Protein backbone atom coordinates (compact mmCIF):
# COMPACT_ATOMS: atom_id res chain seq x y z
CA MET A 1 10.46 19.92 -37.07
CA LYS A 2 6.99 20.68 -35.95
CA TYR A 3 5.81 17.76 -37.69
CA SER A 4 8.40 15.53 -36.06
CA LEU A 5 7.35 16.91 -32.75
CA LEU A 6 3.62 16.05 -33.46
CA LEU A 7 4.75 12.68 -34.61
CA THR A 8 6.36 12.10 -31.27
CA SER A 9 3.56 13.29 -29.45
CA MET A 10 1.25 10.93 -31.14
CA LEU A 11 3.56 7.85 -30.60
CA CYS A 12 3.78 8.79 -27.11
CA GLY A 13 -0.21 8.74 -27.12
CA SER A 14 -0.09 5.19 -28.36
CA VAL A 15 1.77 4.06 -25.31
CA HIS A 16 -0.75 5.53 -22.92
CA ALA A 17 -3.49 3.94 -24.85
CA ALA A 18 -2.35 0.78 -23.53
CA ILE A 19 -3.75 1.85 -20.21
CA GLN A 20 -7.58 0.39 -20.43
CA TYR A 21 -8.77 0.53 -16.83
CA ASN A 22 -8.72 2.67 -13.81
CA LEU A 23 -8.81 1.47 -10.35
CA ASN A 24 -9.59 3.72 -7.37
CA VAL A 25 -7.67 3.04 -4.17
CA GLU A 26 -8.59 5.22 -1.00
CA ILE A 27 -5.73 5.18 1.29
CA ILE A 28 -7.11 5.69 4.88
CA GLN A 29 -4.54 7.06 7.47
CA VAL A 30 -5.55 6.03 10.92
CA ARG A 31 -4.60 8.52 13.65
CA ASP A 32 -5.52 8.75 17.33
CA ASP A 33 -8.98 9.89 18.69
CA ALA A 34 -7.43 13.56 18.73
CA GLY A 35 -6.26 13.48 15.11
CA GLY A 36 -2.49 13.14 16.15
CA ASN A 37 0.20 10.40 16.15
CA PRO A 38 -0.40 9.41 12.56
CA THR A 39 0.57 6.41 10.76
CA LEU A 40 3.13 6.84 8.07
CA LEU A 41 1.90 7.05 4.28
CA ASP A 42 5.40 7.28 2.63
CA PRO A 43 8.54 5.32 3.31
CA SER A 44 10.52 8.43 4.97
CA GLY A 45 7.66 9.54 6.81
CA SER A 46 8.14 13.19 5.80
CA GLY A 47 4.52 13.16 4.24
CA ASP A 48 5.92 14.39 0.92
CA GLY A 49 6.08 12.75 -2.50
CA TYR A 50 4.48 9.16 -1.72
CA LEU A 51 6.92 7.51 -4.13
CA TYR A 52 5.02 4.40 -3.74
CA GLN A 53 2.09 5.64 -5.94
CA THR A 54 4.26 6.24 -9.12
CA GLN A 55 5.93 2.69 -8.40
CA VAL A 56 2.43 0.95 -7.75
CA ASN A 57 1.29 2.52 -11.24
CA ASP A 58 4.64 1.17 -12.69
CA ILE A 59 3.67 -2.44 -11.67
CA TRP A 60 0.02 -2.37 -12.56
CA GLU A 61 0.68 -0.67 -16.13
CA GLN A 62 1.70 -3.93 -17.36
CA ALA A 63 -1.93 -5.20 -16.92
CA GLY A 64 -3.40 -1.85 -18.64
CA VAL A 65 -4.37 -0.63 -15.24
CA GLN A 66 -3.72 2.91 -13.81
CA VAL A 67 -4.14 3.02 -10.09
CA THR A 68 -5.74 6.32 -8.87
CA PHE A 69 -4.83 7.14 -5.22
CA THR A 70 -6.84 9.41 -2.76
CA ASN A 71 -5.90 9.87 0.79
CA THR A 72 -8.47 10.58 3.77
CA THR A 73 -8.11 9.91 7.47
CA TRP A 74 -9.89 8.12 10.27
CA ASP A 75 -9.21 9.44 14.06
CA ASN A 76 -9.75 6.26 16.10
CA THR A 77 -6.83 5.25 18.53
CA GLU A 78 -7.92 1.59 19.11
CA ALA A 79 -8.05 1.08 15.14
CA GLN A 80 -4.14 2.07 14.97
CA ARG A 81 -3.43 -1.41 16.19
CA LEU A 82 -6.02 -4.09 15.04
CA THR A 83 -6.01 -7.63 16.49
CA SER A 84 -7.14 -10.34 13.90
CA ALA A 85 -10.70 -10.08 15.32
CA GLU A 86 -10.72 -6.25 14.79
CA ARG A 87 -9.23 -6.21 11.54
CA ASN A 88 -11.99 -8.76 10.36
CA ALA A 89 -14.70 -6.41 12.05
CA VAL A 90 -13.38 -3.65 9.70
CA TYR A 91 -13.33 -5.90 6.74
CA ALA A 92 -16.98 -6.92 7.58
CA ASN A 93 -17.85 -3.23 8.24
CA THR A 94 -18.80 -3.97 11.84
CA PHE A 95 -16.19 -2.67 13.80
CA THR A 96 -16.86 -0.33 16.77
CA SER A 97 -14.89 1.05 19.67
CA GLY A 98 -15.51 3.12 22.83
CA SER A 99 -14.11 6.38 21.51
CA GLY A 100 -12.99 7.94 18.33
CA ASP A 101 -14.78 8.33 14.91
CA ALA A 102 -17.03 5.75 13.56
CA LEU A 103 -15.74 3.43 10.90
CA PRO A 104 -15.80 5.11 7.47
CA GLY A 105 -18.47 3.64 4.94
CA LEU A 106 -17.52 1.15 2.44
CA GLY A 107 -16.03 2.84 -0.56
CA VAL A 108 -17.83 3.92 -3.58
CA ASP A 109 -16.35 2.35 -6.53
CA THR A 110 -12.96 2.20 -4.84
CA LEU A 111 -10.83 -0.21 -2.58
CA GLN A 112 -9.82 1.03 0.90
CA LEU A 113 -6.43 0.41 2.40
CA PHE A 114 -6.13 1.37 6.01
CA PHE A 115 -2.64 2.27 7.11
CA VAL A 116 -2.51 1.12 10.78
CA MET A 117 0.58 0.69 13.23
CA ASP A 118 0.02 -2.87 13.87
CA HIS A 119 -2.22 -5.72 12.85
CA SER A 120 -1.97 -9.76 12.89
CA GLY A 121 0.49 -9.49 9.94
CA THR A 122 3.09 -7.50 12.42
CA GLY A 123 2.53 -10.14 15.03
CA TYR A 124 0.19 -8.08 16.96
CA ASN A 125 -2.33 -10.05 19.25
CA GLY A 126 -3.61 -7.38 21.57
CA SER A 127 -0.95 -8.43 24.38
CA ALA A 128 1.78 -6.11 25.60
CA GLY A 129 4.97 -6.40 23.54
CA SER A 130 3.34 -7.80 20.64
CA GLY A 131 3.56 -6.14 17.28
CA TRP A 132 5.82 -3.52 15.89
CA VAL A 133 5.16 -0.49 18.12
CA GLY A 134 6.99 -1.78 21.17
CA ASN A 135 9.85 -3.20 18.77
CA PRO A 136 10.66 -0.50 16.38
CA LEU A 137 13.57 -0.79 13.68
CA PRO A 138 16.70 0.17 14.99
CA ASN A 139 17.65 2.34 11.98
CA PRO A 140 14.38 3.09 9.97
CA MET A 141 16.45 5.61 7.61
CA PHE A 142 18.19 2.58 6.24
CA SER A 143 15.88 -0.24 6.59
CA ALA A 144 12.27 -0.92 6.09
CA ARG A 145 9.51 -3.27 6.71
CA ASN A 146 5.85 -3.28 5.97
CA ALA A 147 3.09 -6.06 6.31
CA GLY A 148 -0.27 -5.90 4.47
CA ASN A 149 -3.36 -7.94 4.14
CA PHE A 150 -6.39 -7.82 1.94
CA GLN A 151 -9.80 -9.55 1.49
CA LEU A 152 -9.36 -12.02 -1.44
CA PHE A 153 -12.16 -11.55 -4.00
CA ILE A 154 -12.75 -14.32 -6.77
CA ASP A 155 -15.77 -13.81 -8.65
CA GLY A 156 -18.28 -16.72 -7.40
CA THR A 157 -15.91 -18.06 -4.74
CA PHE A 158 -15.01 -15.42 -2.16
CA SER A 159 -16.96 -12.30 -1.51
CA SER A 160 -15.20 -8.96 -0.25
CA ASN A 161 -15.86 -5.64 0.85
CA GLY A 162 -12.78 -4.33 -0.90
CA ARG A 163 -10.66 -3.62 2.28
CA GLY A 164 -7.19 -3.91 3.30
CA VAL A 165 -4.83 -3.09 6.18
CA MET A 166 -1.06 -2.06 5.72
CA ALA A 167 1.57 -1.40 8.28
CA ASN A 168 4.62 0.36 7.37
CA GLU A 169 7.85 1.37 8.80
CA GLY A 170 11.13 2.53 7.28
CA PHE A 171 12.48 4.25 4.24
CA THR A 172 12.86 1.84 1.35
CA ALA A 173 10.12 2.71 -1.19
CA ASP A 174 10.45 -0.17 -3.50
CA SER A 175 9.34 -2.53 -0.44
CA LEU A 176 6.21 -0.40 0.33
CA SER A 177 5.64 -0.31 -3.37
CA GLY A 178 5.60 -4.13 -3.92
CA THR A 179 3.60 -4.63 -1.02
CA ILE A 180 0.74 -2.50 -2.08
CA ALA A 181 0.68 -3.75 -5.48
CA HIS A 182 0.94 -7.39 -4.20
CA GLU A 183 -2.40 -6.39 -1.97
CA ILE A 184 -4.09 -4.97 -4.76
CA GLY A 185 -3.46 -8.17 -6.53
CA HIS A 186 -5.44 -10.20 -3.77
CA ALA A 187 -8.00 -7.60 -3.93
CA LEU A 188 -8.53 -8.53 -7.47
CA GLY A 189 -8.44 -12.19 -7.09
CA LEU A 190 -4.85 -13.09 -7.28
CA ARG A 191 -3.69 -15.99 -4.89
CA HIS A 192 -0.19 -16.40 -3.91
CA VAL A 193 1.91 -18.23 -6.54
CA GLU A 194 2.92 -20.83 -4.00
CA ASP A 195 -0.60 -21.68 -3.29
CA VAL A 196 -1.67 -21.88 -7.03
CA ASN A 197 1.58 -24.19 -7.67
CA GLY A 198 0.21 -26.13 -5.03
CA GLY A 199 -3.03 -26.64 -7.01
CA ALA A 200 -5.19 -24.05 -5.15
CA GLY A 201 -6.41 -22.41 -8.73
CA ALA A 202 -9.55 -23.57 -10.15
CA GLY A 203 -8.42 -23.09 -13.84
CA THR A 204 -11.06 -20.47 -14.60
CA THR A 205 -10.51 -17.22 -15.95
CA GLN A 206 -11.15 -15.50 -12.67
CA ASP A 207 -9.04 -18.11 -10.86
CA PRO A 208 -6.37 -19.64 -13.03
CA SER A 209 -3.95 -22.33 -12.52
CA TYR A 210 -0.52 -22.45 -13.41
CA ASN A 211 2.97 -23.49 -11.96
CA ILE A 212 5.93 -20.89 -11.73
CA GLY A 213 9.40 -21.73 -10.91
CA THR A 214 10.90 -20.47 -7.76
CA GLY A 215 13.47 -18.31 -9.67
CA THR A 216 10.89 -16.52 -11.70
CA ALA A 217 9.80 -13.09 -10.48
CA ASN A 218 6.12 -12.38 -9.95
CA LEU A 219 4.06 -9.89 -8.19
CA MET A 220 2.08 -12.61 -6.22
CA TRP A 221 4.85 -14.46 -4.43
CA GLY A 222 4.26 -14.68 -0.49
CA ALA A 223 6.75 -13.45 2.05
CA GLY A 224 9.82 -15.70 2.09
CA ASN A 225 8.99 -17.23 -1.35
CA GLY A 226 10.26 -16.58 -4.99
CA PRO A 227 13.40 -14.76 -6.06
CA ALA A 228 15.15 -12.08 -4.04
CA TYR A 229 14.61 -8.39 -5.35
CA ASP A 230 17.02 -7.61 -8.16
CA ASN A 231 18.28 -4.05 -8.09
CA GLY A 232 19.43 -4.50 -11.85
CA GLN A 233 15.89 -4.69 -12.82
CA THR A 234 13.08 -2.33 -12.89
CA VAL A 235 10.21 -2.53 -10.30
CA ALA A 236 7.81 -3.80 -12.85
CA GLN A 237 10.22 -6.60 -13.94
CA ASN A 238 10.75 -7.59 -10.28
CA PHE A 239 7.01 -7.71 -9.71
CA ASN A 240 5.85 -9.32 -13.03
CA LEU A 241 2.40 -10.49 -13.87
CA ARG A 242 1.35 -13.22 -15.98
CA ALA A 243 -1.26 -13.01 -18.80
CA ASP A 244 -3.63 -15.35 -17.15
CA GLN A 245 -3.08 -13.28 -13.95
CA ILE A 246 -3.92 -10.19 -15.77
CA ALA A 247 -7.07 -11.62 -17.08
CA ALA A 248 -8.10 -12.81 -13.77
CA ALA A 249 -7.52 -9.47 -12.04
CA ILE A 250 -9.48 -7.56 -15.12
CA HIS A 251 -12.45 -9.88 -14.74
CA ASN A 252 -12.47 -9.85 -10.71
CA GLY A 253 -11.98 -6.00 -10.61
CA LEU A 254 -14.87 -5.28 -12.79
CA ALA A 255 -17.13 -7.76 -10.79
CA LEU A 256 -16.05 -6.46 -7.38
CA ASP A 257 -18.87 -4.22 -6.30
CA PRO A 258 -18.64 -3.48 -2.50
CA ASP A 259 -21.15 -0.66 -2.44
CA ASN A 260 -23.55 -2.53 -4.63
CA ASN A 261 -24.19 0.28 -7.08
CA GLY A 262 -23.56 -1.68 -10.17
CA THR A 263 -20.04 -0.49 -10.85
CA GLY A 264 -17.06 -2.38 -9.96
CA VAL A 265 -13.87 -1.01 -8.45
CA LEU A 266 -12.19 -1.30 -11.92
CA GLN A 267 -13.80 0.67 -14.54
CA ALA A 268 -12.81 0.72 -18.29
CA ILE A 269 -11.29 4.03 -19.59
CA PRO A 270 -13.36 5.25 -22.67
CA GLU A 271 -11.29 5.19 -25.72
CA PRO A 272 -10.98 8.70 -27.57
CA SER A 273 -13.93 9.34 -30.11
CA SER A 274 -13.16 8.93 -33.70
CA THR A 275 -13.90 12.46 -33.95
CA LEU A 276 -11.20 13.67 -31.75
CA LEU A 277 -8.68 11.20 -33.52
CA LEU A 278 -9.85 12.65 -36.95
CA GLY A 279 -8.92 16.15 -35.48
CA PHE A 280 -5.53 15.03 -34.52
CA GLY A 281 -5.28 13.79 -38.06
CA SER A 282 -6.08 17.25 -39.36
CA ILE A 283 -3.73 19.08 -37.12
CA ALA A 284 -0.83 16.89 -38.31
CA LEU A 285 -1.78 17.58 -41.85
CA LEU A 286 -1.96 21.44 -41.56
CA MET A 287 1.35 21.57 -39.72
CA ARG A 288 2.91 19.55 -42.53
CA ARG A 289 1.69 21.86 -45.14
CA LYS A 290 3.13 24.88 -43.05
CA LYS A 291 6.67 23.48 -43.53
C-alpha cells in the first residue's frame, strides 16, 4: 500500500514537471488619495479567494507556465480613471498628478497590471458621463464586464515596460480570468487572432503567422470574435493556445526585461537535481522492501 501511494505521488510529480517557467504578475489595486474606495480585485467584490488566479493558471499551464500573483496598492484618485493619454503615460512611466502617491516604479522581473475603475477600454474619455463609473451594471451579482489593455511586446518589433490596465465589474469569475490571461498573452507578444488571420504576423518564432477558423476556441480572439464561451468545456479548453503561440510567448517572455537587469519577466524553473531524484528512487526501494 505504501509503495502504491508513493508511486501515485511520483506520477503526480511528473505532471507538475510540465511546468517549466514562472511568470510574475504584480496586481496593483488603485485606490483614492486617502486609501479608500478601492477598485475590485475579485469578481464578487468581497476581497476573498481571488478565483481568477487559479483559473489564469489553469489557462497558462498549457504553455508550461505558472503565474505567480502578488498584490499591492497605489493611492491616487486621478489614476482610478485613466484617459487614453493618461494610460499611455502610466505605460511610459511618466504619469504625474496633482495629488496622491507617485506612480510605482517599474516592476522587477514582473508584469504589472493596474486595476482601475475606468480607462479608454471602458469608453472613458475624461468627460462627464463617459466610462463605467456613471453607468454601473444593473445587477452585478448575476452579470459581469471587464476591459483590459496591455502593452504588446514582440522581441525586435515592439518594446514594452510590461504594464497593463484592467477594469472589472460583476460576479462572473470565468470572464475576468479569461481577460487577464488574454492580456498576459499580449504582454508576451501574442496578437489578436483576427489580426494574425489578416496577415499581421511576421512568420517568426516571436511573431508567428497562422490562420484559425472562427469556430475554433483560442485565448487570443479579440472582443466580439471567435466562438462563444462553452460551459461544457474547461476554462483552458475555452481559452486554448496553439504550439506556435506558446513558442512565441516563451521567447518574448524571456526577452522582456522592463527593469533592464538582465532577467526577463518569464524565468525558467530549475529542474530537480539528479541527486534529489536519486533520493526519491532510494525511498521507493526502501518502502518496497518493508512490505
